[in-house]
């Protein structure tokens, strides 16, 4: 996952997505990384979905639990009417 983190930090989101596509999609860490990718893209709804899936696979994934709460807070804070201009 170090490669994924490097790509994410470098802003290479397309490459990060391609990297994740080649991994075990049932792995909680992979699902967590998908959540991070979507969060970075600004799609908190999808990020929440992936964090929740990671927790279904491994309920003790503390990073996924923390990021899930953060993503929920971000999503609830946003006002959709601000983006309709």
C-alpha atoms as a PDB file:
ATOM      1  CA  UNK A   1       0.000   0.000   0.000  1.00  0.00           C
ATOM      2  CA  UNK A   2       3.002   2.256   0.247  1.00  0.00           C
ATOM      3  CA  UNK A   3       2.844   2.776  -3.520  1.00  0.00           C
ATOM      4  CA  UNK A   4      -0.804   3.836  -3.261  1.00  0.00           C
ATOM      5  CA  UNK A   5      -0.011   6.339  -0.504  1.00  0.00           C
ATOM      6  CA  UNK A   6       2.834   7.789  -2.570  1.00  0.00           C
ATOM      7  CA  UNK A   7       0.569   8.191  -5.611  1.00  0.00           C
ATOM      8  CA  UNK A   8      -2.143   9.789  -3.501  1.00  0.00           C
ATOM      9  CA  UNK A   9       0.291  12.248  -1.929  1.00  0.00           C
ATOM     10  CA  UNK A  10       1.686  13.132  -5.350  1.00  0.00           C
ATOM     11  CA  UNK A  11      -1.840  13.824  -6.621  1.00  0.00           C
ATOM     12  CA  UNK A  12      -1.633  11.037  -9.198  1.00  0.00           C
ATOM     13  CA  UNK A  13      -5.221   9.947  -8.687  1.00  0.00           C
ATOM     14  CA  UNK A  14      -5.637   8.108 -11.979  1.00  0.00           C
ATOM     15  CA  UNK A  15      -2.537   6.043 -11.325  1.00  0.00           C
ATOM     16  CA  UNK A  16      -3.664   5.396  -7.758  1.00  0.00           C
ATOM     17  CA  UNK A  17      -7.010   4.133  -9.072  1.00  0.00           C
ATOM     18  CA  UNK A  18      -5.296   1.856 -11.590  1.00  0.00           C
ATOM     19  CA  UNK A  19      -3.071   0.514  -8.818  1.00  0.00           C
ATOM     20  CA  UNK A  20      -6.082  -0.347  -6.637  1.00  0.00           C
ATOM     21  CA  UNK A  21      -7.900  -2.083  -9.494  1.00  0.00           C
ATOM     22  CA  UNK A  22      -5.203  -4.754  -9.571  1.00  0.00           C
ATOM     23  CA  UNK A  23      -5.567  -5.688  -5.890  1.00  0.00           C
ATOM     24  CA  UNK A  24      -7.912  -8.008  -3.948  1.00  0.00           C
ATOM     25  CA  UNK A  25     -11.184  -6.061  -3.830  1.00  0.00           C
ATOM     26  CA  UNK A  26     -12.371  -8.067  -0.810  1.00  0.00           C
ATOM     27  CA  UNK A  27      -9.453  -6.894   1.361  1.00  0.00           C
ATOM     28  CA  UNK A  28     -10.379  -4.347   4.035  1.00  0.00           C
ATOM     29  CA  UNK A  29      -7.215  -2.322   3.429  1.00  0.00           C
ATOM     30  CA  UNK A  30      -7.951  -2.102  -0.298  1.00  0.00           C
ATOM     31  CA  UNK A  31     -11.513  -0.990   0.445  1.00  0.00           C
ATOM     32  CA  UNK A  32     -10.152   1.574   2.880  1.00  0.00           C
ATOM     33  CA  UNK A  33      -7.793   2.885   0.179  1.00  0.00           C
ATOM     34  CA  UNK A  34     -10.712   3.226  -2.242  1.00  0.00           C
ATOM     35  CA  UNK A  35     -12.373   5.361   0.404  1.00  0.00           C
ATOM     36  CA  UNK A  36      -9.300   7.545   0.689  1.00  0.00           C
ATOM     37  CA  UNK A  37      -9.139   7.923  -3.087  1.00  0.00           C
ATOM     38  CA  UNK A  38     -12.774   8.995  -3.357  1.00  0.00           C
ATOM     39  CA  UNK A  39     -12.371  11.343  -0.433  1.00  0.00           C
ATOM     40  CA  UNK A  40      -9.397  12.953  -2.183  1.00  0.00           C
ATOM     41  CA  UNK A  41     -11.560  13.303  -5.297  1.00  0.00           C
ATOM     42  CA  UNK A  42     -14.181  15.093  -3.201  1.00  0.00           C
ATOM     43  CA  UNK A  43     -16.766  12.326  -3.429  1.00  0.00           C
ATOM     44  CA  UNK A  44     -17.477  11.807   0.270  1.00  0.00           C
ATOM     45  CA  UNK A  45     -20.585   9.703  -0.407  1.00  0.00           C
ATOM     46  CA  UNK A  46     -18.516   7.071  -2.239  1.00  0.00           C
ATOM     47  CA  UNK A  47     -15.767   7.346   0.356  1.00  0.00           C
ATOM     48  CA  UNK A  48     -18.294   6.599   3.102  1.00  0.00           C
ATOM     49  CA  UNK A  49     -19.471   3.557   1.173  1.00  0.00           C
ATOM     50  CA  UNK A  50     -15.953   2.146   0.898  1.00  0.00           C
ATOM     51  CA  UNK A  51     -15.049   2.864   4.517  1.00  0.00           C
ATOM     52  CA  UNK A  52     -18.225   1.074   5.584  1.00  0.00           C
ATOM     53  CA  UNK A  53     -17.376  -1.902   3.358  1.00  0.00           C
ATOM     54  CA  UNK A  54     -13.898  -2.058   4.894  1.00  0.00           C
ATOM     55  CA  UNK A  55     -15.482  -2.183   8.340  1.00  0.00           C
ATOM     56  CA  UNK A  56     -17.851  -4.954   7.248  1.00  0.00           C
ATOM     57  CA  UNK A  57     -14.844  -7.045   6.218  1.00  0.00           C
ATOM     58  CA  UNK A  58     -12.784  -6.179   9.307  1.00  0.00           C
ATOM     59  CA  UNK A  59     -14.705  -4.330  12.046  1.00  0.00           C
ATOM     60  CA  UNK A  60     -11.495  -3.504  13.938  1.00  0.00           C
ATOM     61  CA  UNK A  61     -10.030  -1.398  11.111  1.00  0.00           C
ATOM     62  CA  UNK A  62      -9.604   1.724  13.229  1.00  0.00           C
ATOM     63  CA  UNK A  63      -8.341   3.889  10.358  1.00  0.00           C
ATOM     64  CA  UNK A  64     -11.482   3.114   8.351  1.00  0.00           C
ATOM     65  CA  UNK A  65     -13.645   3.908  11.382  1.00  0.00           C
ATOM     66  CA  UNK A  66     -11.974   7.293  11.907  1.00  0.00           C
ATOM     67  CA  UNK A  67     -12.078   8.223   8.214  1.00  0.00           C
ATOM     68  CA  UNK A  68     -15.730   7.149   8.042  1.00  0.00           C
ATOM     69  CA  UNK A  69     -16.628   9.603  10.799  1.00  0.00           C
ATOM     70  CA  UNK A  70     -14.602  12.381   9.177  1.00  0.00           C
ATOM     71  CA  UNK A  71     -16.240  11.760   5.790  1.00  0.00           C
ATOM     72  CA  UNK A  72     -19.697  11.784   7.388  1.00  0.00           C
ATOM     73  CA  UNK A  73     -18.931  15.101   9.074  1.00  0.00           C
ATOM     74  CA  UNK A  74     -17.678  16.604   5.819  1.00  0.00           C
ATOM     75  CA  UNK A  75     -20.735  15.385   3.921  1.00  0.00           C
ATOM     76  CA  UNK A  76     -23.163  16.705   6.547  1.00  0.00           C
ATOM     77  CA  UNK A  77     -21.350  20.057   6.641  1.00  0.00           C
ATOM     78  CA  UNK A  78     -21.646  20.688   2.921  1.00  0.00           C
ATOM     79  CA  UNK A  79     -24.579  22.666   1.637  1.00  0.00           C
ATOM     80  CA  UNK A  80     -25.605  21.309  -1.745  1.00  0.00           C
ATOM     81  CA  UNK A  81     -27.229  24.640  -2.629  1.00  0.00           C
ATOM     82  CA  UNK A  82     -23.809  26.286  -2.698  1.00  0.00           C
ATOM     83  CA  UNK A  83     -22.801  24.081  -5.627  1.00  0.00           C
ATOM     84  CA  UNK A  84     -25.803  24.823  -7.835  1.00  0.00           C
ATOM     85  CA  UNK A  85     -24.531  28.040  -9.399  1.00  0.00           C
END
